[in-house]
């Protein structure tokens, strides 16, 4: 299965890679080798051994470990993976639905790790050490927007960065971590009605004593209606998306021991998102024909 996923990925990587520069290996070749290691859940050095490649997909030449590591830190590699992601989003018309869901997924690591970029914050039901993937999903195989941050970075802060990047408009569903007047205003200015229930600890019907965003007041009234409750019930979509992302072979499993520091974790998560989308392409032959 990993071979099929890699072939689909590498096909579009080669099409999107048009920059060679003065390097011996093109950016597409660098990203292709890296994706082979991630698809097989192995360190980068594993993908540099010709014995670990099937004869029909093995590149003619493989870079050294230092070259691969250095080039993956270069902006060209990140830009290429982003271009592949955006191309698939266009093909699938991702981002055109009226209902979007926002949430964060913890990526915990050992509490005794020496990684200087991690944070200690609320994870899956407890406080954990590591990173967190913040994402906005609709019905597609890729998130519309996503970002990585240390575990202690709040959902509100990351939502402020993600919401203005969302295309279109409609409803944006989130849990009570997103119930903040500035986020309601920001979502409203971006064409979205944020729907997030107030925490139970809030008195006076969740209104408090401060100025209330008109979008928050509308949300509170909306949640009292049958339509609003049915609408918010669809927030479970993101749990299924994160579940699908992490519960399959070559998916986003717990971060392995060789994936540490922010840049490496970001590249790993980005590659896993692309592989997850490739799995969707493999299962839908009509989309694969569109890439041919």
Protein backbone atom coordinates (compact mmCIF):
# COMPACT_ATOMS: atom_id res chain seq x y z
CA UNK A 1 0.00 0.00 0.00
CA UNK A 2 2.86 2.38 0.83
CA UNK A 3 4.17 1.98 -2.72
CA UNK A 4 0.81 2.99 -4.21
CA UNK A 5 0.54 6.01 -1.93
CA UNK A 6 4.07 7.10 -2.73
CA UNK A 7 3.53 6.75 -6.48
CA UNK A 8 0.45 8.98 -6.35
CA UNK A 9 2.34 11.54 -4.29
CA UNK A 10 5.50 11.45 -6.37
CA UNK A 11 3.54 11.83 -9.59
CA UNK A 12 2.13 15.18 -8.55
CA UNK A 13 5.37 16.22 -6.79
CA UNK A 14 7.25 15.88 -10.10
CA UNK A 15 4.58 17.91 -11.91
CA UNK A 16 4.66 20.68 -9.32
CA UNK A 17 8.46 20.79 -9.00
CA UNK A 18 9.89 23.15 -11.60
CA UNK A 19 12.87 24.58 -9.71
CA UNK A 20 16.30 23.00 -9.96
CA UNK A 21 18.71 25.84 -9.28
CA UNK A 22 22.37 24.98 -8.75
CA UNK A 23 21.60 21.83 -6.77
CA UNK A 24 22.55 18.34 -7.79
CA UNK A 25 19.12 17.05 -6.74
CA UNK A 26 15.90 18.83 -7.59
CA UNK A 27 13.45 19.81 -4.85
CA UNK A 28 11.06 17.19 -6.21
CA UNK A 29 13.67 14.46 -5.74
CA UNK A 30 14.42 15.60 -2.19
CA UNK A 31 10.74 15.67 -1.24
CA UNK A 32 10.16 12.34 -2.99
CA UNK A 33 12.86 10.60 -0.94
CA UNK A 34 11.53 12.15 2.26
CA UNK A 35 7.97 11.05 1.49
CA UNK A 36 9.21 7.48 0.97
CA UNK A 37 10.65 7.43 4.49
CA UNK A 38 7.50 8.96 6.03
CA UNK A 39 5.14 6.64 4.13
CA UNK A 40 7.05 3.70 5.61
CA UNK A 41 7.36 5.28 9.09
CA UNK A 42 11.14 5.15 8.96
CA UNK A 43 13.93 7.68 9.60
CA UNK A 44 15.31 9.61 6.65
CA UNK A 45 18.54 7.64 6.69
CA UNK A 46 16.52 4.46 6.00
CA UNK A 47 15.29 5.92 2.69
CA UNK A 48 18.88 6.62 1.63
CA UNK A 49 19.72 2.92 1.44
CA UNK A 50 18.99 1.60 -2.10
CA UNK A 51 18.13 -1.79 -0.57
CA UNK A 52 15.01 -0.25 0.97
CA UNK A 53 13.54 0.74 -2.40
CA UNK A 54 11.65 -1.54 -4.82
CA UNK A 55 13.42 -1.71 -8.17
CA UNK A 56 10.52 -0.09 -10.04
CA UNK A 57 10.45 3.09 -7.93
CA UNK A 58 14.04 3.51 -6.73
CA UNK A 59 15.60 6.82 -7.90
CA UNK A 60 18.72 6.70 -10.04
CA UNK A 61 20.68 8.55 -7.38
CA UNK A 62 20.08 9.18 -3.67
CA UNK A 63 21.35 12.23 -1.76
CA UNK A 64 23.51 12.00 1.33
CA UNK A 65 21.92 12.30 4.77
CA UNK A 66 23.37 15.78 5.31
CA UNK A 67 22.07 16.96 1.93
CA UNK A 68 18.60 15.60 2.59
CA UNK A 69 18.39 17.18 6.05
CA UNK A 70 19.71 20.54 4.84
CA UNK A 71 17.43 20.70 1.80
CA UNK A 72 14.33 19.81 3.83
CA UNK A 73 15.01 22.85 6.00
CA UNK A 74 15.05 25.02 2.88
CA UNK A 75 11.90 26.99 2.03
CA UNK A 76 11.67 25.30 -1.39
CA UNK A 77 10.82 21.92 0.16
CA UNK A 78 8.06 23.40 2.34
CA UNK A 79 6.73 25.43 -0.59
CA UNK A 80 6.58 22.33 -2.80
CA UNK A 81 4.63 20.29 -0.25
CA UNK A 82 2.29 23.26 0.23
CA UNK A 83 1.81 23.52 -3.55
CA UNK A 84 0.89 19.83 -3.73
CA UNK A 85 -1.57 20.31 -0.89
CA UNK A 86 -3.18 23.32 -2.57
CA UNK A 87 -3.39 21.55 -5.93
CA UNK A 88 -5.32 18.68 -4.40
CA UNK A 89 -7.62 21.07 -2.60
CA UNK A 90 -8.45 22.71 -5.94
CA UNK A 91 -9.09 19.37 -7.63
CA UNK A 92 -11.39 18.26 -4.81
CA UNK A 93 -13.08 21.65 -4.40
CA UNK A 94 -12.21 21.53 -0.70
CA UNK A 95 -13.32 24.62 1.15
CA UNK A 96 -16.61 25.19 -0.66
CA UNK A 97 -18.91 23.72 1.97
CA UNK A 98 -20.90 25.84 4.37
CA UNK A 99 -19.93 23.95 7.52
CA UNK A 100 -16.36 23.88 8.83
CA UNK A 101 -15.06 22.49 12.12
CA UNK A 102 -12.03 23.71 14.09
CA UNK A 103 -10.11 21.86 16.80
CA UNK A 104 -6.68 20.80 17.96
CA UNK A 105 -5.08 17.36 18.18
CA UNK A 106 -2.36 16.69 20.72
CA UNK A 107 0.91 15.13 19.55
CA UNK A 108 2.48 14.13 22.87
CA UNK A 109 6.03 12.95 23.40
CA UNK A 110 7.97 11.82 26.47
CA UNK A 111 8.01 14.30 29.33
CA UNK A 112 11.76 13.79 29.71
CA UNK A 113 12.50 14.78 26.10
CA UNK A 114 15.25 17.36 25.56
CA UNK A 115 13.36 18.96 22.65
CA UNK A 116 13.60 22.71 23.28
CA UNK A 117 10.56 23.54 21.12
CA UNK A 118 7.90 21.53 22.94
CA UNK A 119 5.35 22.86 25.41
CA UNK A 120 3.46 21.51 28.41
CA UNK A 121 -0.28 21.98 28.13
CA UNK A 122 -3.71 20.42 27.92
CA UNK A 123 -3.77 17.40 25.64
CA UNK A 124 -6.17 14.48 25.30
CA UNK A 125 -7.93 14.50 28.66
CA UNK A 126 -4.82 15.44 30.62
CA UNK A 127 -1.80 17.72 30.61
CA UNK A 128 0.87 16.48 28.24
CA UNK A 129 4.21 17.46 26.75
CA UNK A 130 4.72 17.89 23.03
CA UNK A 131 3.06 19.64 20.12
CA UNK A 132 -0.50 20.18 18.90
CA UNK A 133 -1.94 20.13 15.40
CA UNK A 134 -4.59 22.84 14.98
CA UNK A 135 -6.83 22.35 11.95
CA UNK A 136 -10.04 23.39 10.21
CA UNK A 137 -11.81 20.59 8.31
CA UNK A 138 -14.82 20.23 6.12
CA UNK A 139 -15.75 17.01 4.32
CA UNK A 140 -12.52 16.59 2.33
CA UNK A 141 -9.45 14.41 2.97
CA UNK A 142 -7.31 17.46 3.74
CA UNK A 143 -7.84 20.25 6.28
CA UNK A 144 -8.68 23.62 4.77
CA UNK A 145 -6.17 25.25 7.07
CA UNK A 146 -3.76 23.90 9.67
CA UNK A 147 -0.83 24.91 11.83
CA UNK A 148 1.53 23.28 14.30
CA UNK A 149 2.33 24.76 17.69
CA UNK A 150 3.79 23.72 21.05
CA UNK A 151 1.29 21.97 23.31
CA UNK A 152 0.88 25.01 25.59
CA UNK A 153 -0.28 27.32 22.76
CA UNK A 154 -3.97 28.07 23.29
CA UNK A 155 -6.68 27.17 20.80
CA UNK A 156 -7.82 30.80 20.81
CA UNK A 157 -4.41 32.08 19.71
CA UNK A 158 -4.16 29.57 16.89
CA UNK A 159 -7.75 30.22 15.80
CA UNK A 160 -6.86 33.91 15.38
CA UNK A 161 -4.21 32.86 12.86
CA UNK A 162 -6.32 30.26 11.02
CA UNK A 163 -9.72 31.95 10.68
CA UNK A 164 -8.62 34.82 8.37
CA UNK A 165 -7.14 32.26 5.94
CA UNK A 166 -10.41 30.36 5.42
CA UNK A 167 -12.01 30.66 1.97
CA UNK A 168 -15.72 31.26 1.44
CA UNK A 169 -18.12 31.58 4.35
CA UNK A 170 -20.70 29.72 6.39
CA UNK A 171 -20.66 28.17 9.85
CA UNK A 172 -17.55 27.42 11.88
CA UNK A 173 -18.08 24.90 14.68
CA UNK A 174 -15.84 24.59 17.73
CA UNK A 175 -15.94 23.44 21.34
CA UNK A 176 -16.11 25.77 24.34
CA UNK A 177 -12.38 26.54 24.06
CA UNK A 178 -13.31 28.85 21.16
CA UNK A 179 -16.08 30.71 23.02
CA UNK A 180 -14.43 34.15 23.03
CA UNK A 181 -15.87 37.45 21.83
CA UNK A 182 -12.77 38.41 19.77
CA UNK A 183 -13.02 35.11 17.86
CA UNK A 184 -16.71 35.67 17.13
CA UNK A 185 -15.91 39.12 15.73
CA UNK A 186 -12.97 37.79 13.70
CA UNK A 187 -15.04 34.94 12.28
CA UNK A 188 -17.87 37.34 11.43
CA UNK A 189 -15.48 39.65 9.59
CA UNK A 190 -14.23 36.61 7.63
CA UNK A 191 -17.75 35.58 6.59
CA UNK A 192 -18.37 32.90 9.21
CA UNK A 193 -20.75 32.45 12.09
CA UNK A 194 -18.78 30.82 14.88
CA UNK A 195 -20.84 28.31 16.85
CA UNK A 196 -19.26 27.32 20.17
CA UNK A 197 -21.15 26.53 23.40
CA UNK A 198 -20.24 28.58 26.48
CA UNK A 199 -18.43 26.82 29.33
CA UNK A 200 -20.73 25.60 32.07
CA UNK A 201 -18.82 27.70 34.60
CA UNK A 202 -20.14 30.95 33.11
CA UNK A 203 -23.03 32.53 34.96
CA UNK A 204 -25.89 34.75 33.74
CA UNK A 205 -26.58 32.49 30.81
CA UNK A 206 -22.97 32.74 29.65
CA UNK A 207 -23.12 36.51 29.11
CA UNK A 208 -20.88 37.80 31.90
CA UNK A 209 -20.51 41.53 32.48
CA UNK A 210 -18.56 42.65 29.42
CA UNK A 211 -19.49 43.72 25.93
CA UNK A 212 -20.84 40.83 23.89
CA UNK A 213 -20.14 40.31 20.23
CA UNK A 214 -23.39 40.30 18.20
CA UNK A 215 -22.11 37.09 16.60
CA UNK A 216 -21.81 35.48 20.03
CA UNK A 217 -25.33 36.57 20.96
CA UNK A 218 -26.55 35.06 17.71
CA UNK A 219 -24.71 31.83 18.52
CA UNK A 220 -26.35 31.58 21.95
CA UNK A 221 -29.79 32.06 20.42
CA UNK A 222 -28.98 29.62 17.64
CA UNK A 223 -28.03 26.87 20.09
CA UNK A 224 -31.50 27.12 21.65
CA UNK A 225 -33.15 26.10 18.39
CA UNK A 226 -33.55 22.65 16.89
CA UNK A 227 -31.60 23.75 13.81
CA UNK A 228 -28.75 25.07 15.94
CA UNK A 229 -28.48 21.88 17.97
CA UNK A 230 -28.52 19.76 14.81
CA UNK A 231 -25.90 22.05 13.30
CA UNK A 232 -23.58 21.80 16.28
CA UNK A 233 -24.01 18.04 16.34
CA UNK A 234 -21.95 17.97 13.14
CA UNK A 235 -18.90 19.04 15.12
CA UNK A 236 -18.23 15.33 15.51
CA UNK A 237 -16.92 15.48 11.94
CA UNK A 238 -13.52 16.61 13.15
CA UNK A 239 -13.23 13.71 15.58
CA UNK A 240 -13.78 11.34 12.67
CA UNK A 241 -11.25 13.23 10.54
CA UNK A 242 -8.57 13.07 13.21
CA UNK A 243 -9.48 9.43 13.83
CA UNK A 244 -9.10 8.52 10.15
CA UNK A 245 -5.83 10.41 10.01
CA UNK A 246 -4.33 8.43 12.87
CA UNK A 247 -5.91 4.96 12.67
CA UNK A 248 -4.48 3.57 9.43
CA UNK A 249 -1.15 2.30 8.19
CA UNK A 250 1.30 5.14 7.42
CA UNK A 251 -1.07 7.52 9.22
CA UNK A 252 -0.21 10.15 11.82
CA UNK A 253 0.67 7.80 14.69
CA UNK A 254 2.44 9.07 17.84
CA UNK A 255 5.58 10.98 16.90
CA UNK A 256 8.53 8.56 16.59
CA UNK A 257 11.72 9.11 18.54
CA UNK A 258 13.62 10.52 15.54
CA UNK A 259 11.08 13.29 14.89
CA UNK A 260 11.99 16.11 17.26
CA UNK A 261 12.31 19.91 17.07
CA UNK A 262 9.67 22.09 15.45
CA UNK A 263 10.89 22.00 11.83
CA UNK A 264 11.16 18.21 11.71
CA UNK A 265 7.77 17.74 13.38
CA UNK A 266 6.13 20.20 10.99
CA UNK A 267 7.58 18.43 7.95
CA UNK A 268 6.52 15.04 9.34
CA UNK A 269 2.94 16.20 10.01
CA UNK A 270 2.75 17.88 6.59
CA UNK A 271 3.91 14.70 4.86
CA UNK A 272 1.41 12.60 6.83
CA UNK A 273 -1.42 14.90 5.72
CA UNK A 274 -0.35 14.49 2.09
CA UNK A 275 -0.13 10.72 2.49
CA UNK A 276 -3.60 10.70 4.03
CA UNK A 277 -4.91 12.56 0.99
CA UNK A 278 -3.06 10.15 -1.31
CA UNK A 279 -4.90 7.28 0.35
CA UNK A 280 -8.16 8.98 -0.66
CA UNK A 281 -6.89 9.32 -4.24
CA UNK A 282 -5.98 5.64 -4.38
CA UNK A 283 -9.53 4.73 -3.37
CA UNK A 284 -11.13 7.06 -5.93
CA UNK A 285 -9.98 6.14 -9.41
CA UNK A 286 -11.73 9.08 -11.10
CA UNK A 287 -9.53 11.52 -9.22
CA UNK A 288 -6.41 9.56 -10.11
CA UNK A 289 -7.36 9.90 -13.80
CA UNK A 290 -7.58 13.69 -13.34
CA UNK A 291 -3.93 13.66 -12.27
CA UNK A 292 -2.77 11.65 -15.26
